[in-house]
C-alpha atoms as a PDB file:
ATOM      1  CA  UNK A   1     -42.728  84.869  20.828  1.00  0.00           C
ATOM      2  CA  UNK A   2     -43.575  87.793  18.563  1.00  0.00           C
ATOM      3  CA  UNK A   3     -44.439  87.136  14.922  1.00  0.00           C
ATOM      4  CA  UNK A   4     -44.761  89.754  12.223  1.00  0.00           C
ATOM      5  CA  UNK A   5     -47.649  89.606   9.783  1.00  0.00           C
ATOM      6  CA  UNK A   6     -48.590  91.672   6.779  1.00  0.00           C
ATOM      7  CA  UNK A   7     -52.306  91.803   7.615  1.00  0.00           C
ATOM      8  CA  UNK A   8     -52.416  91.652  11.423  1.00  0.00           C
ATOM      9  CA  UNK A   9     -49.262  93.492  12.483  1.00  0.00           C
ATOM     10  CA  UNK A  10     -47.128  92.040  15.255  1.00  0.00           C
ATOM     11  CA  UNK A  11     -48.722  89.285  17.315  1.00  0.00           C
ATOM     12  CA  UNK A  12     -47.611  87.527  20.449  1.00  0.00           C
ATOM     13  CA  UNK A  13     -47.942  83.754  20.078  1.00  0.00           C
ATOM     14  CA  UNK A  14     -47.093  80.836  22.303  1.00  0.00           C
ATOM     15  CA  UNK A  15     -44.447  78.586  20.747  1.00  0.00           C
ATOM     16  CA  UNK A  16     -46.742  75.598  21.289  1.00  0.00           C
ATOM     17  CA  UNK A  17     -49.024  77.064  18.596  1.00  0.00           C
ATOM     18  CA  UNK A  18     -46.439  76.530  15.852  1.00  0.00           C
ATOM     19  CA  UNK A  19     -47.511  74.091  13.160  1.00  0.00           C
ATOM     20  CA  UNK A  20     -44.741  72.321  11.279  1.00  0.00           C
ATOM     21  CA  UNK A  21     -45.340  71.211   7.715  1.00  0.00           C
ATOM     22  CA  UNK A  22     -43.637  67.862   7.196  1.00  0.00           C
ATOM     23  CA  UNK A  23     -44.322  68.324   3.491  1.00  0.00           C
ATOM     24  CA  UNK A  24     -44.447  72.033   2.567  1.00  0.00           C
ATOM     25  CA  UNK A  25     -47.347  73.781   0.879  1.00  0.00           C
ATOM     26  CA  UNK A  26     -46.970  73.502  -2.893  1.00  0.00           C
ATOM     27  CA  UNK A  27     -45.038  76.487  -4.222  1.00  0.00           C
ATOM     28  CA  UNK A  28     -43.766  77.455  -0.762  1.00  0.00           C
ATOM     29  CA  UNK A  29     -41.096  74.784  -0.320  1.00  0.00           C
ATOM     30  CA  UNK A  30     -38.857  76.789   2.007  1.00  0.00           C
ATOM     31  CA  UNK A  31     -41.622  77.700   4.487  1.00  0.00           C
ATOM     32  CA  UNK A  32     -42.518  75.029   7.034  1.00  0.00           C
ATOM     33  CA  UNK A  33     -43.497  76.928  10.201  1.00  0.00           C
ATOM     34  CA  UNK A  34     -46.953  78.479  10.561  1.00  0.00           C
ATOM     35  CA  UNK A  35     -49.548  79.462  13.126  1.00  0.00           C
ATOM     36  CA  UNK A  36     -53.310  79.468  12.812  1.00  0.00           C
ATOM     37  CA  UNK A  37     -55.005  82.778  13.492  1.00  0.00           C
ATOM     38  CA  UNK A  38     -58.701  82.964  14.294  1.00  0.00           C
ATOM     39  CA  UNK A  39     -61.358  85.620  14.696  1.00  0.00           C
ATOM     40  CA  UNK A  40     -63.719  85.137  17.652  1.00  0.00           C
ATOM     41  CA  UNK A  41     -66.611  86.598  15.654  1.00  0.00           C
ATOM     42  CA  UNK A  42     -66.122  84.092  12.810  1.00  0.00           C
ATOM     43  CA  UNK A  43     -65.189  81.055  14.889  1.00  0.00           C
ATOM     44  CA  UNK A  44     -62.997  78.211  13.648  1.00  0.00           C
ATOM     45  CA  UNK A  45     -64.723  77.689  10.296  1.00  0.00           C
ATOM     46  CA  UNK A  46     -62.483  80.228   8.580  1.00  0.00           C
ATOM     47  CA  UNK A  47     -58.904  80.652   9.784  1.00  0.00           C
ATOM     48  CA  UNK A  48     -55.679  82.214   8.593  1.00  0.00           C
ATOM     49  CA  UNK A  49     -52.544  80.113   8.190  1.00  0.00           C
ATOM     50  CA  UNK A  50     -49.748  82.612   8.803  1.00  0.00           C
ATOM     51  CA  UNK A  51     -46.131  81.820   8.027  1.00  0.00           C
ATOM     52  CA  UNK A  52     -43.793  82.737  10.859  1.00  0.00           C
ATOM     53  CA  UNK A  53     -40.854  82.639   8.447  1.00  0.00           C
ATOM     54  CA  UNK A  54     -42.261  85.161   5.947  1.00  0.00           C
ATOM     55  CA  UNK A  55     -44.686  87.818   7.166  1.00  0.00           C
ATOM     56  CA  UNK A  56     -46.111  88.240   3.644  1.00  0.00           C
ATOM     57  CA  UNK A  57     -47.338  84.642   3.366  1.00  0.00           C
ATOM     58  CA  UNK A  58     -50.781  83.980   4.780  1.00  0.00           C
ATOM     59  CA  UNK A  59     -53.475  81.616   3.512  1.00  0.00           C
ATOM     60  CA  UNK A  60     -57.179  81.557   4.250  1.00  0.00           C
ATOM     61  CA  UNK A  61     -58.276  78.063   5.233  1.00  0.00           C
ATOM     62  CA  UNK A  62     -61.813  76.752   5.477  1.00  0.00           C
ATOM     63  CA  UNK A  63     -62.916  73.863   7.662  1.00  0.00           C
ATOM     64  CA  UNK A  64     -65.157  72.420   4.959  1.00  0.00           C
ATOM     65  CA  UNK A  65     -66.955  70.121   7.425  1.00  0.00           C
ATOM     66  CA  UNK A  66     -68.430  73.231   9.054  1.00  0.00           C
ATOM     67  CA  UNK A  67     -70.102  73.987   5.715  1.00  0.00           C
ATOM     68  CA  UNK A  68     -71.701  70.557   5.456  1.00  0.00           C
ATOM     69  CA  UNK A  69     -69.102  68.889   3.233  1.00  0.00           C
ATOM     70  CA  UNK A  70     -66.527  66.277   4.047  1.00  0.00           C
ATOM     71  CA  UNK A  71     -63.969  63.847   2.741  1.00  0.00           C
ATOM     72  CA  UNK A  72     -64.334  60.093   2.542  1.00  0.00           C
ATOM     73  CA  UNK A  73     -60.635  59.662   1.855  1.00  0.00           C
ATOM     74  CA  UNK A  74     -58.577  57.113   3.710  1.00  0.00           C
ATOM     75  CA  UNK A  75     -55.136  58.262   4.813  1.00  0.00           C
ATOM     76  CA  UNK A  76     -52.190  56.617   3.112  1.00  0.00           C
ATOM     77  CA  UNK A  77     -49.455  55.094   5.235  1.00  0.00           C
ATOM     78  CA  UNK A  78     -47.167  57.893   4.036  1.00  0.00           C
ATOM     79  CA  UNK A  79     -49.553  60.563   5.356  1.00  0.00           C
ATOM     80  CA  UNK A  80     -50.043  58.681   8.630  1.00  0.00           C
ATOM     81  CA  UNK A  81     -46.266  58.649   9.052  1.00  0.00           C
ATOM     82  CA  UNK A  82     -45.846  62.318   8.082  1.00  0.00           C
ATOM     83  CA  UNK A  83     -48.516  63.415  10.562  1.00  0.00           C
ATOM     84  CA  UNK A  84     -47.836  60.746  13.190  1.00  0.00           C
ATOM     85  CA  UNK A  85     -51.468  59.594  13.293  1.00  0.00           C
ATOM     86  CA  UNK A  86     -53.218  56.245  13.373  1.00  0.00           C
ATOM     87  CA  UNK A  87     -56.495  57.115  11.673  1.00  0.00           C
ATOM     88  CA  UNK A  88     -58.423  59.788   9.798  1.00  0.00           C
ATOM     89  CA  UNK A  89     -60.376  60.913  12.875  1.00  0.00           C
ATOM     90  CA  UNK A  90     -57.186  62.455  14.288  1.00  0.00           C
ATOM     91  CA  UNK A  91     -56.771  64.732  11.258  1.00  0.00           C
ATOM     92  CA  UNK A  92     -58.549  67.941  10.276  1.00  0.00           C
ATOM     93  CA  UNK A  93     -58.953  68.573   6.540  1.00  0.00           C
ATOM     94  CA  UNK A  94     -58.692  72.296   5.752  1.00  0.00           C
ATOM     95  CA  UNK A  95     -59.234  73.675   2.274  1.00  0.00           C
ATOM     96  CA  UNK A  96     -57.472  76.689   0.836  1.00  0.00           C
ATOM     97  CA  UNK A  97     -59.842  79.480  -0.062  1.00  0.00           C
ATOM     98  CA  UNK A  98     -59.709  81.931  -2.912  1.00  0.00           C
ATOM     99  CA  UNK A  99     -61.696  85.047  -2.052  1.00  0.00           C
ATOM    100  CA  UNK A 100     -61.726  87.605  -4.825  1.00  0.00           C
ATOM    101  CA  UNK A 101     -64.478  90.181  -4.408  1.00  0.00           C
ATOM    102  CA  UNK A 102     -66.514  88.844  -1.499  1.00  0.00           C
ATOM    103  CA  UNK A 103     -66.845  85.839   0.770  1.00  0.00           C
ATOM    104  CA  UNK A 104     -70.054  84.888  -1.078  1.00  0.00           C
ATOM    105  CA  UNK A 105     -67.988  84.335  -4.256  1.00  0.00           C
ATOM    106  CA  UNK A 106     -65.286  82.298  -2.494  1.00  0.00           C
ATOM    107  CA  UNK A 107     -64.058  79.023  -3.913  1.00  0.00           C
ATOM    108  CA  UNK A 108     -62.070  76.329  -2.158  1.00  0.00           C
ATOM    109  CA  UNK A 109     -59.539  73.825  -3.411  1.00  0.00           C
ATOM    110  CA  UNK A 110     -60.998  70.444  -2.477  1.00  0.00           C
ATOM    111  CA  UNK A 111     -58.344  68.555  -4.448  1.00  0.00           C
ATOM    112  CA  UNK A 112     -55.343  69.637  -2.315  1.00  0.00           C
ATOM    113  CA  UNK A 113     -56.374  70.121   1.313  1.00  0.00           C
ATOM    114  CA  UNK A 114     -54.096  70.890   4.209  1.00  0.00           C
ATOM    115  CA  UNK A 115     -54.132  67.952   6.608  1.00  0.00           C
ATOM    116  CA  UNK A 116     -53.472  68.833  10.245  1.00  0.00           C
ATOM    117  CA  UNK A 117     -52.882  66.677  13.294  1.00  0.00           C
ATOM    118  CA  UNK A 118     -53.957  69.038  16.069  1.00  0.00           C
ATOM    119  CA  UNK A 119     -52.232  66.979  18.757  1.00  0.00           C
ATOM    120  CA  UNK A 120     -48.732  66.883  17.249  1.00  0.00           C
ATOM    121  CA  UNK A 121     -49.104  70.174  15.314  1.00  0.00           C
ATOM    122  CA  UNK A 122     -47.813  68.413  12.186  1.00  0.00           C
ATOM    123  CA  UNK A 123     -49.327  69.225   8.803  1.00  0.00           C
ATOM    124  CA  UNK A 124     -48.937  68.654   5.097  1.00  0.00           C
ATOM    125  CA  UNK A 125     -50.714  69.531   1.900  1.00  0.00           C
ATOM    126  CA  UNK A 126     -51.891  66.499  -0.030  1.00  0.00           C
ATOM    127  CA  UNK A 127     -53.149  66.079  -3.587  1.00  0.00           C
ATOM    128  CA  UNK A 128     -55.982  63.598  -3.255  1.00  0.00           C
ATOM    129  CA  UNK A 129     -56.527  60.782  -5.757  1.00  0.00           C
ATOM    130  CA  UNK A 130     -60.270  61.268  -6.121  1.00  0.00           C
ATOM    131  CA  UNK A 131     -61.690  63.751  -8.589  1.00  0.00           C
ATOM    132  CA  UNK A 132     -62.346  66.727  -6.310  1.00  0.00           C
ATOM    133  CA  UNK A 133     -62.864  70.289  -7.577  1.00  0.00           C
ATOM    134  CA  UNK A 134     -60.017  72.783  -7.596  1.00  0.00           C
ATOM    135  CA  UNK A 135     -62.443  75.725  -7.505  1.00  0.00           C
ATOM    136  CA  UNK A 136     -65.485  74.522  -5.577  1.00  0.00           C
ATOM    137  CA  UNK A 137     -67.959  77.344  -4.778  1.00  0.00           C
ATOM    138  CA  UNK A 138     -68.145  77.581  -1.005  1.00  0.00           C
ATOM    139  CA  UNK A 139     -71.651  79.003  -1.082  1.00  0.00           C
ATOM    140  CA  UNK A 140     -73.515  77.081  -3.770  1.00  0.00           C
ATOM    141  CA  UNK A 141     -76.931  78.281  -4.839  1.00  0.00           C
ATOM    142  CA  UNK A 142     -79.638  75.875  -3.843  1.00  0.00           C
ATOM    143  CA  UNK A 143     -81.761  74.938  -6.846  1.00  0.00           C
ATOM    144  CA  UNK A 144     -85.463  75.625  -6.510  1.00  0.00           C
ATOM    145  CA  UNK A 145     -87.804  72.618  -6.882  1.00  0.00           C
END
């Protein structure tokens, strides 16, 4: 299938790549079908979540684990049902990035990650109970000793 994107033009995608949001991204309630776009030079640490229903909607997602951070959250029964998973190990937590001037200044929303079951291609955005940052600096300066 051909999808139209604002930033990447027209792309040919296999229908098996479609991710369905069982609970839409906050503020984008009518959009539930997306694909993940990657750049071979960057790898899978930073990806684009492109709507196939609206070519102008595309989010930058960060696999925060690749940057040395992680979540110790347990999945609620509701989330397990939405994503059709048994445990947390079957889910990838992706954070939405806000990149203003440069990647070095990027922040990520740790409070509301996108949860993705890569097997079923089901996803949702979840507001976590713990006190995570909404604007966590992706590249924190390391303090000198």
